N, C-alpha and C. Protein backbone atom coordinates (compact mmCIF):
# COMPACT_ATOMS: atom_id res chain seq x y z
N UNK A 1 -2.00 5.18 4.60
CA UNK A 1 -1.25 6.41 4.78
C UNK A 1 -1.90 7.23 5.88
N UNK A 2 -1.10 7.68 6.84
CA UNK A 2 -1.59 8.59 7.86
C UNK A 2 -0.99 9.96 7.62
N UNK A 3 -1.77 11.01 7.87
CA UNK A 3 -1.24 12.34 7.54
C UNK A 3 -1.70 13.39 8.55
N UNK A 4 -0.77 14.27 8.92
CA UNK A 4 -1.09 15.49 9.66
C UNK A 4 -0.47 16.63 8.88
N UNK A 5 -0.59 17.85 9.37
CA UNK A 5 -0.02 19.00 8.65
C UNK A 5 1.49 18.88 8.47
N UNK A 6 2.18 18.39 9.48
CA UNK A 6 3.63 18.38 9.46
C UNK A 6 4.24 16.99 9.25
N UNK A 7 3.42 15.96 9.17
CA UNK A 7 3.93 14.59 9.12
C UNK A 7 3.06 13.74 8.20
N UNK A 8 3.72 12.89 7.43
CA UNK A 8 3.01 11.91 6.62
C UNK A 8 3.71 10.57 6.83
N UNK A 9 2.93 9.49 6.97
CA UNK A 9 3.54 8.19 7.20
C UNK A 9 2.85 7.13 6.36
N UNK A 10 3.60 6.10 6.04
CA UNK A 10 3.13 4.99 5.22
C UNK A 10 3.55 3.69 5.88
N UNK A 11 2.74 2.66 5.76
CA UNK A 11 3.09 1.31 6.18
C UNK A 11 3.20 0.48 4.92
N UNK A 12 4.39 -0.09 4.70
CA UNK A 12 4.68 -0.79 3.46
C UNK A 12 5.08 -2.23 3.72
N UNK A 13 4.86 -3.11 2.74
CA UNK A 13 5.26 -4.50 2.84
C UNK A 13 6.78 -4.63 2.74
N UNK A 14 7.30 -5.75 3.18
CA UNK A 14 8.74 -6.02 3.12
C UNK A 14 9.11 -6.64 1.78
N UNK A 15 9.08 -5.83 0.73
CA UNK A 15 9.39 -6.29 -0.62
C UNK A 15 10.33 -5.30 -1.30
N UNK A 16 10.91 -5.73 -2.41
CA UNK A 16 11.75 -4.81 -3.17
C UNK A 16 10.93 -3.66 -3.75
N UNK A 17 9.65 -3.88 -4.01
CA UNK A 17 8.79 -2.80 -4.50
C UNK A 17 8.67 -1.68 -3.46
N UNK A 18 8.77 -2.05 -2.19
CA UNK A 18 8.75 -1.06 -1.12
C UNK A 18 9.89 -0.06 -1.27
N UNK A 19 11.05 -0.57 -1.65
CA UNK A 19 12.22 0.28 -1.83
C UNK A 19 11.95 1.33 -2.90
N UNK A 20 11.42 0.90 -4.03
CA UNK A 20 11.09 1.85 -5.11
C UNK A 20 10.01 2.83 -4.67
N UNK A 21 9.00 2.32 -4.00
CA UNK A 21 7.90 3.17 -3.54
C UNK A 21 8.39 4.21 -2.55
N UNK A 22 9.24 3.81 -1.62
CA UNK A 22 9.78 4.74 -0.63
C UNK A 22 10.57 5.85 -1.31
N UNK A 23 11.40 5.47 -2.28
CA UNK A 23 12.20 6.47 -3.00
C UNK A 23 11.30 7.44 -3.77
N UNK A 24 10.28 6.91 -4.42
CA UNK A 24 9.36 7.77 -5.18
C UNK A 24 8.64 8.75 -4.27
N UNK A 25 8.17 8.27 -3.12
CA UNK A 25 7.47 9.14 -2.17
C UNK A 25 8.42 10.24 -1.66
N UNK A 26 9.66 9.88 -1.36
CA UNK A 26 10.63 10.86 -0.89
C UNK A 26 10.89 11.92 -1.95
N UNK A 27 11.00 11.50 -3.21
CA UNK A 27 11.23 12.44 -4.30
C UNK A 27 10.09 13.44 -4.42
N UNK A 28 8.87 12.93 -4.37
CA UNK A 28 7.69 13.80 -4.49
C UNK A 28 7.63 14.80 -3.33
N UNK A 29 7.80 14.30 -2.12
CA UNK A 29 7.68 15.17 -0.95
C UNK A 29 8.80 16.21 -0.93
N UNK A 30 10.04 15.80 -1.18
CA UNK A 30 11.16 16.75 -1.17
C UNK A 30 10.99 17.81 -2.26
N UNK A 31 10.49 17.40 -3.41
CA UNK A 31 10.25 18.35 -4.50
C UNK A 31 9.17 19.34 -4.11
N UNK A 32 8.07 18.83 -3.55
CA UNK A 32 6.96 19.70 -3.14
C UNK A 32 7.39 20.69 -2.06
N UNK A 33 8.35 20.30 -1.22
CA UNK A 33 8.83 21.18 -0.16
C UNK A 33 9.84 22.20 -0.66
N UNK A 34 10.22 22.09 -1.93
CA UNK A 34 11.08 23.11 -2.52
C UNK A 34 12.57 22.87 -2.42
N UNK A 35 12.98 21.65 -2.12
CA UNK A 35 14.41 21.36 -2.09
C UNK A 35 14.98 21.47 -3.49
N UNK A 36 16.25 21.83 -3.59
CA UNK A 36 16.94 21.90 -4.87
C UNK A 36 17.07 20.49 -5.45
N UNK A 37 17.26 20.43 -6.76
CA UNK A 37 17.30 19.13 -7.45
C UNK A 37 18.35 18.19 -6.87
N UNK A 38 19.54 18.69 -6.57
CA UNK A 38 20.58 17.83 -6.02
C UNK A 38 20.24 17.36 -4.60
N UNK A 39 19.56 18.21 -3.84
CA UNK A 39 19.12 17.83 -2.50
C UNK A 39 18.02 16.77 -2.57
N UNK A 40 17.12 16.92 -3.52
CA UNK A 40 16.06 15.93 -3.72
C UNK A 40 16.69 14.57 -4.01
N UNK A 41 17.70 14.55 -4.87
CA UNK A 41 18.37 13.31 -5.22
C UNK A 41 19.04 12.69 -3.99
N UNK A 42 19.68 13.51 -3.17
CA UNK A 42 20.34 13.01 -1.97
C UNK A 42 19.34 12.47 -0.95
N UNK A 43 18.25 13.17 -0.76
CA UNK A 43 17.20 12.73 0.15
C UNK A 43 16.61 11.41 -0.33
N UNK A 44 16.30 11.34 -1.61
CA UNK A 44 15.72 10.13 -2.19
C UNK A 44 16.64 8.94 -2.04
N UNK A 45 17.93 9.14 -2.27
CA UNK A 45 18.90 8.06 -2.14
C UNK A 45 19.03 7.60 -0.69
N UNK A 46 19.00 8.53 0.24
CA UNK A 46 19.08 8.18 1.66
C UNK A 46 17.86 7.35 2.08
N UNK A 47 16.69 7.76 1.62
CA UNK A 47 15.47 7.02 1.94
C UNK A 47 15.51 5.63 1.29
N UNK A 48 16.00 5.55 0.06
CA UNK A 48 16.13 4.25 -0.61
C UNK A 48 17.04 3.31 0.18
N UNK A 49 18.18 3.82 0.62
CA UNK A 49 19.12 3.00 1.39
C UNK A 49 18.49 2.54 2.71
N UNK A 50 17.76 3.43 3.35
CA UNK A 50 17.10 3.06 4.61
C UNK A 50 16.04 1.99 4.37
N UNK A 51 15.31 2.10 3.26
CA UNK A 51 14.28 1.11 2.93
C UNK A 51 14.92 -0.25 2.63
N UNK A 52 16.04 -0.24 1.90
CA UNK A 52 16.76 -1.50 1.63
C UNK A 52 17.17 -2.14 2.94
N UNK A 53 17.74 -1.35 3.84
CA UNK A 53 18.16 -1.89 5.14
C UNK A 53 16.99 -2.46 5.93
N UNK A 54 15.87 -1.77 5.92
CA UNK A 54 14.69 -2.24 6.65
C UNK A 54 14.15 -3.55 6.08
N UNK A 55 14.01 -3.59 4.76
CA UNK A 55 13.44 -4.78 4.10
C UNK A 55 14.40 -5.96 4.17
N UNK A 56 15.65 -5.75 3.83
CA UNK A 56 16.62 -6.83 3.72
C UNK A 56 17.18 -7.26 5.08
N UNK A 57 17.74 -6.32 5.80
CA UNK A 57 18.43 -6.65 7.04
C UNK A 57 17.49 -6.69 8.25
N UNK A 58 16.56 -5.76 8.31
CA UNK A 58 15.64 -5.72 9.45
C UNK A 58 14.57 -6.78 9.40
N UNK A 59 13.92 -6.90 8.25
CA UNK A 59 12.77 -7.80 8.13
C UNK A 59 13.06 -9.09 7.37
N UNK A 60 14.20 -9.19 6.73
CA UNK A 60 14.58 -10.38 5.96
C UNK A 60 13.46 -10.82 5.01
N UNK A 61 12.81 -9.84 4.38
CA UNK A 61 11.72 -10.08 3.42
C UNK A 61 10.52 -10.83 4.02
N UNK A 62 10.41 -10.88 5.34
CA UNK A 62 9.31 -11.60 5.98
C UNK A 62 7.98 -10.95 5.61
N UNK A 63 7.06 -11.73 5.03
CA UNK A 63 5.79 -11.15 4.59
C UNK A 63 4.90 -10.65 5.73
N UNK A 64 5.13 -11.13 6.94
CA UNK A 64 4.32 -10.70 8.07
C UNK A 64 4.86 -9.42 8.72
N UNK A 65 6.04 -8.97 8.28
CA UNK A 65 6.62 -7.76 8.84
C UNK A 65 6.42 -6.59 7.88
N UNK A 66 6.28 -5.41 8.44
CA UNK A 66 6.04 -4.20 7.65
C UNK A 66 7.17 -3.19 7.86
N UNK A 67 7.22 -2.25 6.95
CA UNK A 67 8.16 -1.13 7.03
C UNK A 67 7.33 0.14 7.21
N UNK A 68 7.65 0.92 8.22
CA UNK A 68 6.97 2.19 8.43
C UNK A 68 7.88 3.30 7.92
N UNK A 69 7.35 4.09 7.04
CA UNK A 69 8.08 5.20 6.44
C UNK A 69 7.38 6.48 6.83
N UNK A 70 8.10 7.39 7.48
CA UNK A 70 7.49 8.65 7.92
C UNK A 70 8.36 9.83 7.52
N UNK A 71 7.70 10.86 7.04
CA UNK A 71 8.37 12.11 6.69
C UNK A 71 7.78 13.19 7.59
N UNK A 72 8.66 14.00 8.16
CA UNK A 72 8.20 15.07 9.02
C UNK A 72 8.86 16.37 8.60
N UNK A 73 8.06 17.38 8.50
CA UNK A 73 8.55 18.71 8.09
C UNK A 73 9.10 19.44 9.27
């Protein structure tokens, strides 16, 4: 995990667990930033869909490929 004041990033494996991890991280960050509950859910779902696309369509589950997930305030 790399972090600055306004940005946090993660490098994740190309697995289905990455999808869950990405969604969980998005939920925590959006909640900590004070988004409303429905907005947190929407943000988390968008990040989940992006992670699915990266793992499945972008990387085809290739173990040598990674997914970079970054949140910026």
